[in-house]
Every structure is written in structure tokens, then in C-alpha cells.
């Protein structure tokens, strides 16, 4: 396995949530947002759901 994500089960910080909101508002996709936050796609998707943030579904 690779050490792709070093933040295993780390709590979300306010600045990370703010960046998530900003990137989602710009219409970025889940994969791109997760990479920018250095988080897994599952973690990013779950946090967006908790905060009611809509992430664009890129096709």
C-alpha cells in the first residue's frame, strides 16, 4: 500500500471546511476537491453531506 493519505481519521479543521465550500462553489469535482484537501474522496463526500455542501458531478 502507498502512503497516499497520511491523515487517517483526523478531525476536520475550520479552514479545511472553508476550502471545501470554496472549491465546491467553483464547481470542482469530488476527486479534485479531495486531492486539494489531501483527504480521501469518501471522507470529503461525507463531510460535504454533513455540512449540506453540494459537489458537482462532472461527466
N, C-alpha and C. Protein backbone atom coordinates (compact mmCIF):
# COMPACT_ATOMS: atom_id res chain seq x y z
N UNK A 1 0.84 -1.20 0.00
CA UNK A 1 0.00 0.00 0.00
C UNK A 1 0.87 1.25 0.00
N UNK A 2 0.32 2.29 -0.50
CA UNK A 2 1.07 3.55 -0.52
C UNK A 2 0.61 4.46 0.62
N UNK A 3 1.42 5.41 0.93
CA UNK A 3 1.09 6.39 1.98
C UNK A 3 0.46 7.62 1.34
N UNK A 4 -0.56 7.39 0.52
CA UNK A 4 -1.19 8.48 -0.22
C UNK A 4 -1.86 9.49 0.70
N UNK A 5 -2.59 8.99 1.70
CA UNK A 5 -3.27 9.88 2.63
C UNK A 5 -2.73 9.63 4.02
N UNK A 6 -2.04 10.60 4.55
CA UNK A 6 -1.41 10.46 5.87
C UNK A 6 -2.35 10.83 7.00
N UNK A 7 -3.50 11.39 6.69
CA UNK A 7 -4.42 11.88 7.72
C UNK A 7 -5.52 10.86 8.00
N UNK A 8 -5.21 9.76 8.59
CA UNK A 8 -6.22 8.76 8.85
C UNK A 8 -7.11 9.16 10.02
N UNK A 9 -8.41 9.32 9.72
CA UNK A 9 -9.43 9.67 10.70
C UNK A 9 -9.09 10.91 11.52
N UNK A 10 -8.55 11.90 10.87
CA UNK A 10 -8.25 13.17 11.53
C UNK A 10 -9.49 14.06 11.48
N UNK A 11 -9.75 14.81 12.54
CA UNK A 11 -10.90 15.72 12.52
C UNK A 11 -10.71 16.84 11.50
N UNK A 12 -11.82 17.32 10.98
CA UNK A 12 -11.77 18.40 10.00
C UNK A 12 -11.55 19.72 10.72
N UNK A 13 -10.68 20.53 10.17
CA UNK A 13 -10.43 21.87 10.71
C UNK A 13 -11.32 22.87 9.97
N UNK A 14 -11.56 24.00 10.61
CA UNK A 14 -12.43 25.03 10.04
C UNK A 14 -11.92 25.51 8.68
N UNK A 15 -10.60 25.65 8.53
CA UNK A 15 -10.05 26.12 7.26
C UNK A 15 -10.23 25.08 6.15
N UNK A 16 -10.22 23.80 6.50
CA UNK A 16 -10.45 22.75 5.50
C UNK A 16 -11.90 22.77 5.02
N UNK A 17 -12.81 22.97 5.94
CA UNK A 17 -14.24 23.04 5.58
C UNK A 17 -14.48 24.27 4.71
N UNK A 18 -13.83 25.37 5.04
CA UNK A 18 -13.97 26.59 4.24
C UNK A 18 -13.45 26.37 2.82
N UNK A 19 -12.32 25.67 2.71
CA UNK A 19 -11.74 25.38 1.39
C UNK A 19 -12.67 24.43 0.62
N UNK A 20 -13.26 23.48 1.32
CA UNK A 20 -14.22 22.57 0.70
C UNK A 20 -15.40 23.36 0.12
N UNK A 21 -15.93 24.30 0.90
CA UNK A 21 -17.05 25.14 0.44
C UNK A 21 -16.64 25.96 -0.79
N UNK A 22 -15.46 26.54 -0.74
CA UNK A 22 -14.97 27.38 -1.84
C UNK A 22 -14.82 26.58 -3.13
N UNK A 23 -14.17 25.42 -3.04
CA UNK A 23 -13.95 24.59 -4.23
C UNK A 23 -15.27 24.06 -4.79
N UNK A 24 -16.18 23.68 -3.91
CA UNK A 24 -17.49 23.19 -4.36
C UNK A 24 -18.27 24.30 -5.06
N UNK A 25 -18.17 25.52 -4.52
CA UNK A 25 -18.86 26.66 -5.11
C UNK A 25 -18.31 26.99 -6.50
N UNK A 26 -17.03 26.69 -6.73
CA UNK A 26 -16.42 26.92 -8.04
C UNK A 26 -16.75 25.83 -9.03
N UNK A 27 -17.49 24.80 -8.58
CA UNK A 27 -17.90 23.73 -9.48
C UNK A 27 -16.87 22.63 -9.68
N UNK A 28 -15.95 22.49 -8.75
CA UNK A 28 -14.94 21.44 -8.87
C UNK A 28 -15.55 20.09 -8.55
N UNK A 29 -14.97 19.03 -9.09
CA UNK A 29 -15.46 17.68 -8.85
C UNK A 29 -14.91 17.10 -7.55
N UNK A 30 -15.50 16.01 -7.11
CA UNK A 30 -15.12 15.36 -5.85
C UNK A 30 -13.65 14.96 -5.83
N UNK A 31 -13.19 14.36 -6.92
CA UNK A 31 -11.80 13.90 -6.99
C UNK A 31 -10.83 15.06 -6.84
N UNK A 32 -11.10 16.14 -7.52
CA UNK A 32 -10.24 17.32 -7.48
C UNK A 32 -10.24 17.98 -6.10
N UNK A 33 -11.40 18.05 -5.47
CA UNK A 33 -11.51 18.64 -4.14
C UNK A 33 -10.76 17.78 -3.12
N UNK A 34 -10.97 16.47 -3.19
CA UNK A 34 -10.31 15.55 -2.25
C UNK A 34 -8.79 15.66 -2.37
N UNK A 35 -8.31 15.76 -3.59
CA UNK A 35 -6.86 15.87 -3.80
C UNK A 35 -6.32 17.19 -3.24
N UNK A 36 -7.06 18.27 -3.44
CA UNK A 36 -6.63 19.58 -2.94
C UNK A 36 -6.60 19.61 -1.42
N UNK A 37 -7.51 18.87 -0.78
CA UNK A 37 -7.58 18.85 0.69
C UNK A 37 -6.71 17.75 1.30
N UNK A 38 -6.11 16.92 0.46
CA UNK A 38 -5.31 15.78 0.90
C UNK A 38 -6.16 14.85 1.78
N UNK A 39 -7.39 14.61 1.33
CA UNK A 39 -8.34 13.74 2.01
C UNK A 39 -8.83 12.70 1.02
N UNK A 40 -9.40 11.62 1.52
CA UNK A 40 -9.98 10.61 0.63
C UNK A 40 -11.28 11.15 0.05
N UNK A 41 -11.68 10.58 -1.07
CA UNK A 41 -12.94 11.00 -1.69
C UNK A 41 -14.11 10.68 -0.77
N UNK A 42 -14.05 9.54 -0.08
CA UNK A 42 -15.13 9.15 0.82
C UNK A 42 -15.27 10.14 1.97
N UNK A 43 -14.14 10.53 2.54
CA UNK A 43 -14.15 11.48 3.66
C UNK A 43 -14.69 12.84 3.21
N UNK A 44 -14.25 13.28 2.05
CA UNK A 44 -14.68 14.56 1.51
C UNK A 44 -16.18 14.54 1.21
N UNK A 45 -16.64 13.45 0.62
CA UNK A 45 -18.06 13.31 0.28
C UNK A 45 -18.91 13.31 1.55
N UNK A 46 -18.47 12.60 2.58
CA UNK A 46 -19.20 12.52 3.84
C UNK A 46 -19.27 13.89 4.52
N UNK A 47 -18.16 14.62 4.53
CA UNK A 47 -18.13 15.94 5.17
C UNK A 47 -19.04 16.92 4.43
N UNK A 48 -19.02 16.85 3.11
CA UNK A 48 -19.90 17.71 2.32
C UNK A 48 -21.37 17.42 2.63
N UNK A 49 -21.68 16.14 2.79
CA UNK A 49 -23.06 15.74 3.11
C UNK A 49 -23.47 16.27 4.49
N UNK A 50 -22.57 16.17 5.47
CA UNK A 50 -22.84 16.64 6.83
C UNK A 50 -23.11 18.14 6.81
N UNK A 51 -22.32 18.89 6.06
CA UNK A 51 -22.44 20.36 6.03
C UNK A 51 -23.43 20.86 4.99
N UNK A 52 -24.05 19.95 4.24
CA UNK A 52 -25.03 20.36 3.23
C UNK A 52 -24.41 21.08 2.05
N UNK A 53 -23.21 20.67 1.68
CA UNK A 53 -22.49 21.27 0.56
C UNK A 53 -22.69 20.38 -0.68
N UNK A 54 -23.16 20.97 -1.74
CA UNK A 54 -23.35 20.23 -2.98
C UNK A 54 -22.08 20.22 -3.80
N UNK A 55 -21.67 19.02 -4.23
CA UNK A 55 -20.49 18.88 -5.07
C UNK A 55 -20.94 18.51 -6.47
N UNK A 56 -20.38 19.19 -7.44
CA UNK A 56 -20.76 18.98 -8.85
C UNK A 56 -20.38 17.57 -9.29
N UNK A 57 -21.25 16.97 -10.08
CA UNK A 57 -20.96 15.65 -10.65
C UNK A 57 -20.46 15.88 -12.07
N UNK A 58 -19.16 15.78 -12.23
CA UNK A 58 -18.56 16.02 -13.55
C UNK A 58 -18.76 14.80 -14.43
N UNK A 59 -19.01 15.06 -15.71
CA UNK A 59 -19.25 13.94 -16.64
C UNK A 59 -18.24 13.95 -17.74
